[in-house]
Protein backbone atom coordinates (compact mmCIF):
# COMPACT_ATOMS: atom_id res chain seq x y z
CA MET A 1 -43.29 -6.76 42.46
CA ASN A 2 -44.30 -8.41 39.21
CA ARG A 3 -43.01 -7.41 35.78
CA SER A 4 -45.99 -5.28 34.77
CA ALA A 5 -45.90 -3.28 37.98
CA TRP A 6 -42.15 -2.75 37.60
CA ILE A 7 -42.57 -1.55 34.00
CA ARG A 8 -45.38 0.81 35.01
CA GLN A 9 -43.34 2.27 37.89
CA SER A 10 -40.20 2.69 35.77
CA HIS A 11 -42.30 4.34 33.05
CA ARG A 12 -43.44 6.94 35.58
CA TRP A 13 -39.91 7.71 36.80
CA VAL A 14 -38.42 7.86 33.32
CA SER A 15 -41.18 10.26 32.28
CA ILE A 16 -39.96 12.63 35.03
CA VAL A 17 -36.39 12.31 33.73
CA PHE A 18 -37.62 12.98 30.20
CA ALA A 19 -39.51 16.10 31.31
CA LEU A 20 -36.42 17.41 33.11
CA THR A 21 -34.23 16.90 30.03
CA VAL A 22 -36.73 18.77 27.87
CA VAL A 23 -36.81 21.64 30.38
CA ALA A 24 -32.99 21.70 30.39
CA ASN A 25 -33.10 21.95 26.60
CA PHE A 26 -35.42 24.94 26.69
CA VAL A 27 -33.35 26.64 29.39
CA ALA A 28 -30.16 26.18 27.36
CA ILE A 29 -31.82 27.57 24.24
CA GLY A 30 -33.24 30.49 26.24
CA LEU A 31 -29.82 31.35 27.62
CA GLY A 32 -28.39 31.38 24.11
CA HIS A 33 -26.08 28.43 24.71
CA PRO A 34 -27.60 25.68 22.59
CA LEU A 35 -25.25 22.75 23.00
CA LEU A 36 -25.59 20.21 20.19
CA TRP A 37 -25.27 17.17 22.45
CA LEU A 38 -27.97 18.52 24.78
CA ASN A 39 -30.49 18.18 21.97
CA TYR A 40 -29.99 14.41 21.93
CA VAL A 41 -30.21 13.81 25.70
CA PRO A 42 -34.05 13.39 25.72
CA LEU A 43 -33.99 10.70 23.05
CA PRO A 44 -33.01 7.62 25.14
CA PRO A 45 -35.74 8.25 27.75
CA LEU A 46 -38.20 8.97 24.95
CA PHE A 47 -37.39 5.64 23.28
CA TYR A 48 -37.84 3.83 26.61
CA LEU A 49 -41.18 5.59 27.12
CA LEU A 50 -42.27 4.53 23.64
CA VAL A 51 -41.47 0.87 24.28
CA THR A 52 -42.99 0.70 27.76
CA GLY A 53 -46.02 2.74 26.70
CA LEU A 54 -46.73 0.40 23.80
CA TYR A 55 -46.34 -2.57 26.14
CA MET A 56 -48.82 -1.12 28.63
CA PHE A 57 -51.19 -0.22 25.79
CA THR A 58 -51.24 -3.77 24.42
CA LEU A 59 -51.26 -5.51 27.81
CA PRO A 60 -55.08 -5.67 28.15
CA TYR A 61 -55.31 -7.26 24.70
CA LEU A 62 -52.67 -9.88 25.49
CA ARG A 63 -54.23 -11.13 28.73
CA PRO A 64 -56.60 -14.07 28.38
CA ARG A 65 -60.20 -13.10 28.86
CA ALA A 66 -62.42 -14.86 31.36
CA MET A 67 -65.14 -16.94 29.81
CA PRO A 68 -68.64 -15.66 30.67
CA GLU A 69 -70.88 -18.06 32.53
CA ASN A 70 -74.17 -18.98 30.87
């Protein structure tokens, strides 16, 4: 598996982890037990998603374009 495919696949799995941490946050707030450290748990996956998302966004602009034939 090349680097781009690995980044894309890890981005998908980390997005699931991020969604679960956000749901856990809402559940904890709904139960009336807002733990301070639980508020910061989604931040590392969110930072990873930011970096990999920006990489995947810029990837088409970084690849060399094929020269059109005349």
